[in-house]
Amino acid sequence: MKHLEFRPNPYPGLLVTFCGLDGSGKSTLLRRLAAELEGKRPVLVTKQPTDAVRRADGFRAYMDTPAPDVFDYRAVSLQAAGDRLQHGRAVIEPALREGKVVLCDRYFYSCLANLRARGYTGDRWIYEIAESVLRPDIAFFCDVPVELAVARVRQRPEERCRYIDLPLQYKLRSAFLNICESNGGILLSTAGPEETCFAAVKREWERRS
């Protein structure tokens, strides 16, 4: 898989990202790191894509229905990529400029993973857009077996009956693993106890910050 040529972070703040399947524990570990840094470093917690995209008809169709034929996934992906780019410029970069630690739930890697998992392996535009996106200082990739990730999602009352494309989840997991390896990410096995998983996050934070 081709390496993403992100822009280097020129600011005093640090950008830390968490990516992986729904149910992989990324949001939990992000919140734990934010709590760990409280009172020690100024922190901004944010997420991608923003609600403007999450609530859009095309995005929801691809997330929530088994046959979203009305929408072109490339168009949906372009919308999400543009949202991530704008979010970086308007939210992430100002915070980094102020010296904050930015903790982002999902990042541009997720856009690439979804594109590739759906068969768009020949698209080059996403790599061109990446050239305008900041490279994370620390990029965590949370990895669990698909069955465990789905079971965790089903434990959330609001998502107990949500449609989940299981074959897609296997492809997404493979894509995330490849992206992590190709881009110097930190692979975290998050199938174990929360305390054990967070200890790994804390070790990497202390080593790299």
C-alpha atoms as a PDB file:
ATOM      1  CA  MET A   1       0.000   0.000   0.000  1.00  0.00           C
ATOM      2  CA  LYS A   2       1.244   3.479  -0.885  1.00  0.00           C
ATOM      3  CA  HIS A   3       2.550   5.678   1.946  1.00  0.00           C
ATOM      4  CA  LEU A   4       0.484   8.791   2.765  1.00  0.00           C
ATOM      5  CA  GLU A   5       2.591  11.923   2.275  1.00  0.00           C
ATOM      6  CA  PHE A   6       1.120  14.128   4.998  1.00  0.00           C
ATOM      7  CA  ARG A   7       2.358  17.624   5.832  1.00  0.00           C
ATOM      8  CA  PRO A   8       4.732  17.705   8.823  1.00  0.00           C
ATOM      9  CA  ASN A   9       3.315  19.298  11.974  1.00  0.00           C
ATOM     10  CA  PRO A  10       5.095  22.679  12.312  1.00  0.00           C
ATOM     11  CA  TYR A  11       3.315  23.671  15.537  1.00  0.00           C
ATOM     12  CA  PRO A  12       4.275  23.332  19.215  1.00  0.00           C
ATOM     13  CA  GLY A  13       1.220  21.176  19.976  1.00  0.00           C
ATOM     14  CA  LEU A  14       0.964  17.422  19.413  1.00  0.00           C
ATOM     15  CA  LEU A  15      -1.591  15.599  17.271  1.00  0.00           C
ATOM     16  CA  VAL A  16      -2.590  12.141  18.505  1.00  0.00           C
ATOM     17  CA  THR A  17      -5.057  10.052  16.495  1.00  0.00           C
ATOM     18  CA  PHE A  18      -7.015   6.866  17.217  1.00  0.00           C
ATOM     19  CA  CYS A  19      -8.339   4.726  14.365  1.00  0.00           C
ATOM     20  CA  GLY A  20      -9.860   1.276  14.035  1.00  0.00           C
ATOM     21  CA  LEU A  21     -13.140  -0.562  13.685  1.00  0.00           C
ATOM     22  CA  ASP A  22     -16.248   0.535  15.538  1.00  0.00           C
ATOM     23  CA  GLY A  23     -15.975  -1.328  18.827  1.00  0.00           C
ATOM     24  CA  SER A  24     -12.190  -1.511  18.782  1.00  0.00           C
ATOM     25  CA  GLY A  25     -11.877   0.678  21.880  1.00  0.00           C
ATOM     26  CA  LYS A  26     -10.463   3.792  20.262  1.00  0.00           C
ATOM     27  CA  SER A  27     -12.920   6.228  21.856  1.00  0.00           C
ATOM     28  CA  THR A  28     -12.462   4.654  25.287  1.00  0.00           C
ATOM     29  CA  LEU A  29      -8.676   4.868  25.110  1.00  0.00           C
ATOM     30  CA  LEU A  30      -8.830   8.431  23.808  1.00  0.00           C
ATOM     31  CA  ARG A  31     -10.969   9.458  26.769  1.00  0.00           C
ATOM     32  CA  ARG A  32      -8.569   7.714  29.145  1.00  0.00           C
ATOM     33  CA  LEU A  33      -5.613   9.602  27.685  1.00  0.00           C
ATOM     34  CA  ALA A  34      -7.504  12.891  27.896  1.00  0.00           C
ATOM     35  CA  ALA A  35      -8.216  12.223  31.590  1.00  0.00           C
ATOM     36  CA  GLU A  36      -4.564  11.308  32.151  1.00  0.00           C
ATOM     37  CA  LEU A  37      -3.419  14.630  30.663  1.00  0.00           C
ATOM     38  CA  GLU A  38      -5.970  16.769  32.520  1.00  0.00           C
ATOM     39  CA  GLY A  39      -4.191  19.415  34.544  1.00  0.00           C
ATOM     40  CA  LYS A  40      -0.842  18.562  32.938  1.00  0.00           C
ATOM     41  CA  ARG A  41      -1.251  19.695  29.333  1.00  0.00           C
ATOM     42  CA  PRO A  42      -3.922  21.724  27.517  1.00  0.00           C
ATOM     43  CA  VAL A  43      -6.005  19.232  25.548  1.00  0.00           C
ATOM     44  CA  LEU A  44      -8.543  19.397  22.742  1.00  0.00           C
ATOM     45  CA  VAL A  45     -10.679  16.293  22.163  1.00  0.00           C
ATOM     46  CA  THR A  46     -12.284  16.118  18.729  1.00  0.00           C
ATOM     47  CA  LYS A  47     -13.471  13.648  16.107  1.00  0.00           C
ATOM     48  CA  GLN A  48     -13.701  13.078  12.369  1.00  0.00           C
ATOM     49  CA  PRO A  49     -15.756  13.208  10.288  1.00  0.00           C
ATOM     50  CA  THR A  50     -17.783  16.011  11.829  1.00  0.00           C
ATOM     51  CA  ASP A  51     -21.515  15.803  12.467  1.00  0.00           C
ATOM     52  CA  ALA A  52     -22.128  17.712   9.228  1.00  0.00           C
ATOM     53  CA  VAL A  53     -21.055  14.577   7.340  1.00  0.00           C
ATOM     54  CA  ARG A  54     -22.198  11.969   9.884  1.00  0.00           C
ATOM     55  CA  ARG A  55     -25.781  13.216   9.569  1.00  0.00           C
ATOM     56  CA  ALA A  56     -25.760  13.579   5.777  1.00  0.00           C
ATOM     57  CA  ASP A  57     -28.116  11.294   3.833  1.00  0.00           C
ATOM     58  CA  GLY A  58     -25.401   9.677   1.735  1.00  0.00           C
ATOM     59  CA  PHE A  59     -23.171   8.926   4.689  1.00  0.00           C
ATOM     60  CA  ARG A  60     -25.993   7.486   6.774  1.00  0.00           C
ATOM     61  CA  ALA A  61     -27.165   5.365   3.831  1.00  0.00           C
ATOM     62  CA  TYR A  62     -23.771   3.727   3.563  1.00  0.00           C
ATOM     63  CA  MET A  63     -23.502   3.212   7.292  1.00  0.00           C
ATOM     64  CA  ASP A  64     -27.022   2.053   8.075  1.00  0.00           C
ATOM     65  CA  THR A  65     -28.489   0.190   5.092  1.00  0.00           C
ATOM     66  CA  PRO A  66     -27.575  -3.061   3.325  1.00  0.00           C
ATOM     67  CA  ALA A  67     -27.959  -1.729  -0.235  1.00  0.00           C
ATOM     68  CA  PRO A  68     -27.313   2.024  -0.523  1.00  0.00           C
ATOM     69  CA  ASP A  69     -27.492   2.053  -4.330  1.00  0.00           C
ATOM     70  CA  VAL A  70     -28.828   5.589  -4.527  1.00  0.00           C
ATOM     71  CA  PHE A  71     -25.465   7.099  -3.532  1.00  0.00           C
ATOM     72  CA  ASP A  72     -22.069   6.803  -5.192  1.00  0.00           C
ATOM     73  CA  TYR A  73     -19.535   5.821  -2.531  1.00  0.00           C
ATOM     74  CA  ARG A  74     -16.787   7.811  -4.206  1.00  0.00           C
ATOM     75  CA  ALA A  75     -18.939  10.927  -3.786  1.00  0.00           C
ATOM     76  CA  VAL A  76     -19.553  10.054  -0.133  1.00  0.00           C
ATOM     77  CA  SER A  77     -15.831   9.500   0.394  1.00  0.00           C
ATOM     78  CA  LEU A  78     -14.929  12.805  -1.247  1.00  0.00           C
ATOM     79  CA  GLN A  79     -17.416  14.555   1.024  1.00  0.00           C
ATOM     80  CA  ALA A  80     -15.845  12.941   4.090  1.00  0.00           C
ATOM     81  CA  ALA A  81     -12.310  13.721   2.904  1.00  0.00           C
ATOM     82  CA  GLY A  82     -13.213  17.377   2.346  1.00  0.00           C
ATOM     83  CA  ASP A  83     -14.788  17.535   5.779  1.00  0.00           C
ATOM     84  CA  ARG A  84     -11.616  16.124   7.349  1.00  0.00           C
ATOM     85  CA  LEU A  85      -9.474  18.643   5.482  1.00  0.00           C
ATOM     86  CA  GLN A  86     -11.638  21.579   6.598  1.00  0.00           C
ATOM     87  CA  HIS A  87     -11.777  20.263  10.171  1.00  0.00           C
ATOM     88  CA  GLY A  88      -7.992  20.108  10.199  1.00  0.00           C
ATOM     89  CA  ARG A  89      -7.641  23.694   9.066  1.00  0.00           C
ATOM     90  CA  ALA A  90     -10.403  25.172  11.221  1.00  0.00           C
ATOM     91  CA  VAL A  91     -10.136  23.120  14.416  1.00  0.00           C
ATOM     92  CA  ILE A  92      -6.976  21.041  14.701  1.00  0.00           C
ATOM     93  CA  GLU A  93      -4.347  23.475  13.421  1.00  0.00           C
ATOM     94  CA  PRO A  94      -5.422  26.455  15.583  1.00  0.00           C
ATOM     95  CA  ALA A  95      -5.278  24.231  18.667  1.00  0.00           C
ATOM     96  CA  LEU A  96      -1.828  22.924  17.741  1.00  0.00           C
ATOM     97  CA  ARG A  97      -0.670  26.464  17.111  1.00  0.00           C
ATOM     98  CA  GLU A  98      -1.657  27.263  20.711  1.00  0.00           C
ATOM     99  CA  GLY A  99       0.445  24.346  21.959  1.00  0.00           C
ATOM    100  CA  LYS A 100      -2.445  22.027  22.797  1.00  0.00           C
ATOM    101  CA  VAL A 101      -2.460  18.251  22.604  1.00  0.00           C
ATOM    102  CA  VAL A 102      -5.154  17.360  20.075  1.00  0.00           C
ATOM    103  CA  LEU A 103      -6.738  13.924  20.540  1.00  0.00           C
ATOM    104  CA  CYS A 104      -8.728  12.980  17.442  1.00  0.00           C
ATOM    105  CA  ASP A 105     -11.193  10.083  17.275  1.00  0.00           C
ATOM    106  CA  ARG A 106     -10.627   8.761  13.716  1.00  0.00           C
ATOM    107  CA  TYR A 107      -8.480  10.549  11.167  1.00  0.00           C
ATOM    108  CA  PHE A 108      -7.693  10.575   7.459  1.00  0.00           C
ATOM    109  CA  TYR A 109      -6.522   6.968   7.686  1.00  0.00           C
ATOM    110  CA  SER A 110     -10.163   5.953   8.184  1.00  0.00           C
ATOM    111  CA  CYS A 111     -11.109   7.618   4.914  1.00  0.00           C
ATOM    112  CA  LEU A 112      -8.480   5.583   3.055  1.00  0.00           C
ATOM    113  CA  ALA A 113      -9.426   2.362   4.862  1.00  0.00           C
ATOM    114  CA  ASN A 114     -13.089   2.710   3.922  1.00  0.00           C
ATOM    115  CA  LEU A 115     -12.271   3.544   0.317  1.00  0.00           C
ATOM    116  CA  ARG A 116     -10.006   0.510  -0.089  1.00  0.00           C
ATOM    117  CA  ALA A 117     -12.326  -1.841   1.799  1.00  0.00           C
ATOM    118  CA  ARG A 118     -15.076  -1.006  -0.676  1.00  0.00           C
ATOM    119  CA  GLY A 119     -12.868  -1.859  -3.644  1.00  0.00           C
ATOM    120  CA  TYR A 120     -11.641   1.583  -4.695  1.00  0.00           C
ATOM    121  CA  THR A 121      -7.994   0.530  -4.629  1.00  0.00           C
ATOM    122  CA  GLY A 122      -6.979   2.414  -7.761  1.00  0.00           C
ATOM    123  CA  ASP A 123      -8.076   5.886  -6.652  1.00  0.00           C
ATOM    124  CA  ARG A 124      -5.169   8.329  -6.426  1.00  0.00           C
ATOM    125  CA  TRP A 125      -7.031  11.484  -5.458  1.00  0.00           C
ATOM    126  CA  ILE A 126      -7.055  10.514  -1.792  1.00  0.00           C
ATOM    127  CA  TYR A 127      -3.252  10.529  -1.722  1.00  0.00           C
ATOM    128  CA  GLU A 128      -3.218  13.978  -3.298  1.00  0.00           C
ATOM    129  CA  ILE A 129      -5.604  15.323  -0.662  1.00  0.00           C
ATOM    130  CA  ALA A 130      -3.439  13.771   2.058  1.00  0.00           C
ATOM    131  CA  GLU A 131      -0.591  16.077   1.049  1.00  0.00           C
ATOM    132  CA  SER A 132      -2.606  18.953   2.560  1.00  0.00           C
ATOM    133  CA  VAL A 133      -3.352  17.080   5.809  1.00  0.00           C
ATOM    134  CA  LEU A 134      -1.141  17.221   8.907  1.00  0.00           C
ATOM    135  CA  ARG A 135       0.795  14.107   9.840  1.00  0.00           C
ATOM    136  CA  PRO A 136      -0.099  12.907  13.363  1.00  0.00           C
ATOM    137  CA  ASP A 137       2.710  12.918  15.892  1.00  0.00           C
ATOM    138  CA  ILE A 138       1.305   9.689  17.314  1.00  0.00           C
ATOM    139  CA  ALA A 139      -1.100   7.496  15.329  1.00  0.00           C
ATOM    140  CA  PHE A 140      -2.713   4.663  17.277  1.00  0.00           C
ATOM    141  CA  PHE A 141      -4.458   1.842  15.421  1.00  0.00           C
ATOM    142  CA  CYS A 142      -6.731  -0.205  17.694  1.00  0.00           C
ATOM    143  CA  ASP A 143      -7.138  -3.794  16.526  1.00  0.00           C
ATOM    144  CA  VAL A 144      -9.565  -6.484  17.669  1.00  0.00           C
ATOM    145  CA  PRO A 145     -11.186  -9.497  15.986  1.00  0.00           C
ATOM    146  CA  VAL A 146     -14.257  -8.456  14.019  1.00  0.00           C
ATOM    147  CA  GLU A 147     -16.560 -10.624  16.154  1.00  0.00           C
ATOM    148  CA  LEU A 148     -15.458  -8.865  19.333  1.00  0.00           C
ATOM    149  CA  ALA A 149     -15.812  -5.414  17.774  1.00  0.00           C
ATOM    150  CA  VAL A 150     -19.365  -6.197  16.651  1.00  0.00           C
ATOM    151  CA  ALA A 151     -20.269  -7.632  20.063  1.00  0.00           C
ATOM    152  CA  ARG A 152     -19.085  -4.424  21.721  1.00  0.00           C
ATOM    153  CA  VAL A 153     -21.145  -2.292  19.344  1.00  0.00           C
ATOM    154  CA  ARG A 154     -24.216  -4.426  20.063  1.00  0.00           C
ATOM    155  CA  GLN A 155     -23.803  -3.719  23.776  1.00  0.00           C
ATOM    156  CA  ARG A 156     -24.615  -0.058  23.149  1.00  0.00           C
ATOM    157  CA  PRO A 157     -28.382   0.372  23.616  1.00  0.00           C
ATOM    158  CA  GLU A 158     -28.680   2.868  20.779  1.00  0.00           C
ATOM    159  CA  GLU A 159     -26.858   0.537  18.337  1.00  0.00           C
ATOM    160  CA  ARG A 160     -28.263  -2.837  19.358  1.00  0.00           C
ATOM    161  CA  CYS A 161     -30.247  -3.134  16.126  1.00  0.00           C
ATOM    162  CA  ARG A 162     -27.952  -1.162  13.830  1.00  0.00           C
ATOM    163  CA  TYR A 163     -27.138  -2.692  10.458  1.00  0.00           C
ATOM    164  CA  ILE A 164     -23.522  -3.886  10.292  1.00  0.00           C
ATOM    165  CA  ASP A 165     -21.972  -5.154   7.056  1.00  0.00           C
ATOM    166  CA  LEU A 166     -19.869  -8.042   8.416  1.00  0.00           C
ATOM    167  CA  PRO A 167     -17.881  -8.809   5.227  1.00  0.00           C
ATOM    168  CA  LEU A 168     -16.986  -5.123   5.068  1.00  0.00           C
ATOM    169  CA  GLN A 169     -15.720  -5.181   8.658  1.00  0.00           C
ATOM    170  CA  TYR A 170     -13.201  -7.902   7.777  1.00  0.00           C
ATOM    171  CA  LYS A 171     -11.973  -5.859   4.820  1.00  0.00           C
ATOM    172  CA  LEU A 172     -11.761  -2.744   6.978  1.00  0.00           C
ATOM    173  CA  ARG A 173      -9.707  -4.536   9.603  1.00  0.00           C
ATOM    174  CA  SER A 174      -7.262  -5.705   6.940  1.00  0.00           C
ATOM    175  CA  ALA A 175      -7.073  -2.191   5.471  1.00  0.00           C
ATOM    176  CA  PHE A 176      -6.340  -0.616   8.860  1.00  0.00           C
ATOM    177  CA  LEU A 177      -3.570  -3.132   9.514  1.00  0.00           C
ATOM    178  CA  ASN A 178      -1.979  -2.387   6.139  1.00  0.00           C
ATOM    179  CA  ILE A 179      -2.274   1.376   6.605  1.00  0.00           C
ATOM    180  CA  CYS A 180      -0.730   1.172  10.057  1.00  0.00           C
ATOM    181  CA  GLU A 181       2.231  -0.810   8.755  1.00  0.00           C
ATOM    182  CA  SER A 182       2.728   1.432   5.721  1.00  0.00           C
ATOM    183  CA  ASN A 183       2.558   4.696   7.648  1.00  0.00           C
ATOM    184  CA  GLY A 184       4.487   4.117  10.864  1.00  0.00           C
ATOM    185  CA  GLY A 185       1.425   3.772  13.063  1.00  0.00           C
ATOM    186  CA  ILE A 186       1.335   2.171  16.507  1.00  0.00           C
ATOM    187  CA  LEU A 187      -0.659  -1.050  16.463  1.00  0.00           C
ATOM    188  CA  LEU A 188      -2.535  -1.765  19.682  1.00  0.00           C
ATOM    189  CA  SER A 189      -4.177  -5.090  20.385  1.00  0.00           C
ATOM    190  CA  THR A 190      -7.294  -3.911  22.211  1.00  0.00           C
ATOM    191  CA  ALA A 191      -8.976  -7.253  22.812  1.00  0.00           C
ATOM    192  CA  GLY A 192      -7.764  -7.470  26.404  1.00  0.00           C
ATOM    193  CA  PRO A 193      -8.718  -5.643  29.598  1.00  0.00           C
ATOM    194  CA  GLU A 194      -9.078  -1.870  29.341  1.00  0.00           C
ATOM    195  CA  GLU A 195      -6.342  -1.242  31.909  1.00  0.00           C
ATOM    196  CA  THR A 196      -3.845  -3.332  29.946  1.00  0.00           C
ATOM    197  CA  CYS A 197      -4.703  -1.565  26.693  1.00  0.00           C
ATOM    198  CA  PHE A 198      -4.431   1.875  28.235  1.00  0.00           C
ATOM    199  CA  ALA A 199      -1.083   0.999  29.812  1.00  0.00           C
ATOM    200  CA  ALA A 200       0.231   0.451  26.268  1.00  0.00           C
ATOM    201  CA  VAL A 201      -1.146   3.842  25.178  1.00  0.00           C
ATOM    202  CA  LYS A 202       0.426   5.544  28.181  1.00  0.00           C
ATOM    203  CA  ARG A 203       3.816   3.938  27.510  1.00  0.00           C
ATOM    204  CA  GLU A 204       3.818   5.161  23.914  1.00  0.00           C
ATOM    205  CA  TRP A 205       2.678   8.621  24.971  1.00  0.00           C
ATOM    206  CA  GLU A 206       5.477   8.927  27.513  1.00  0.00           C
ATOM    207  CA  ARG A 207       8.031   7.620  25.016  1.00  0.00           C
ATOM    208  CA  ARG A 208       7.047   9.873  22.127  1.00  0.00           C
ATOM    209  CA  SER A 209       5.910  13.073  23.837  1.00  0.00           C
END
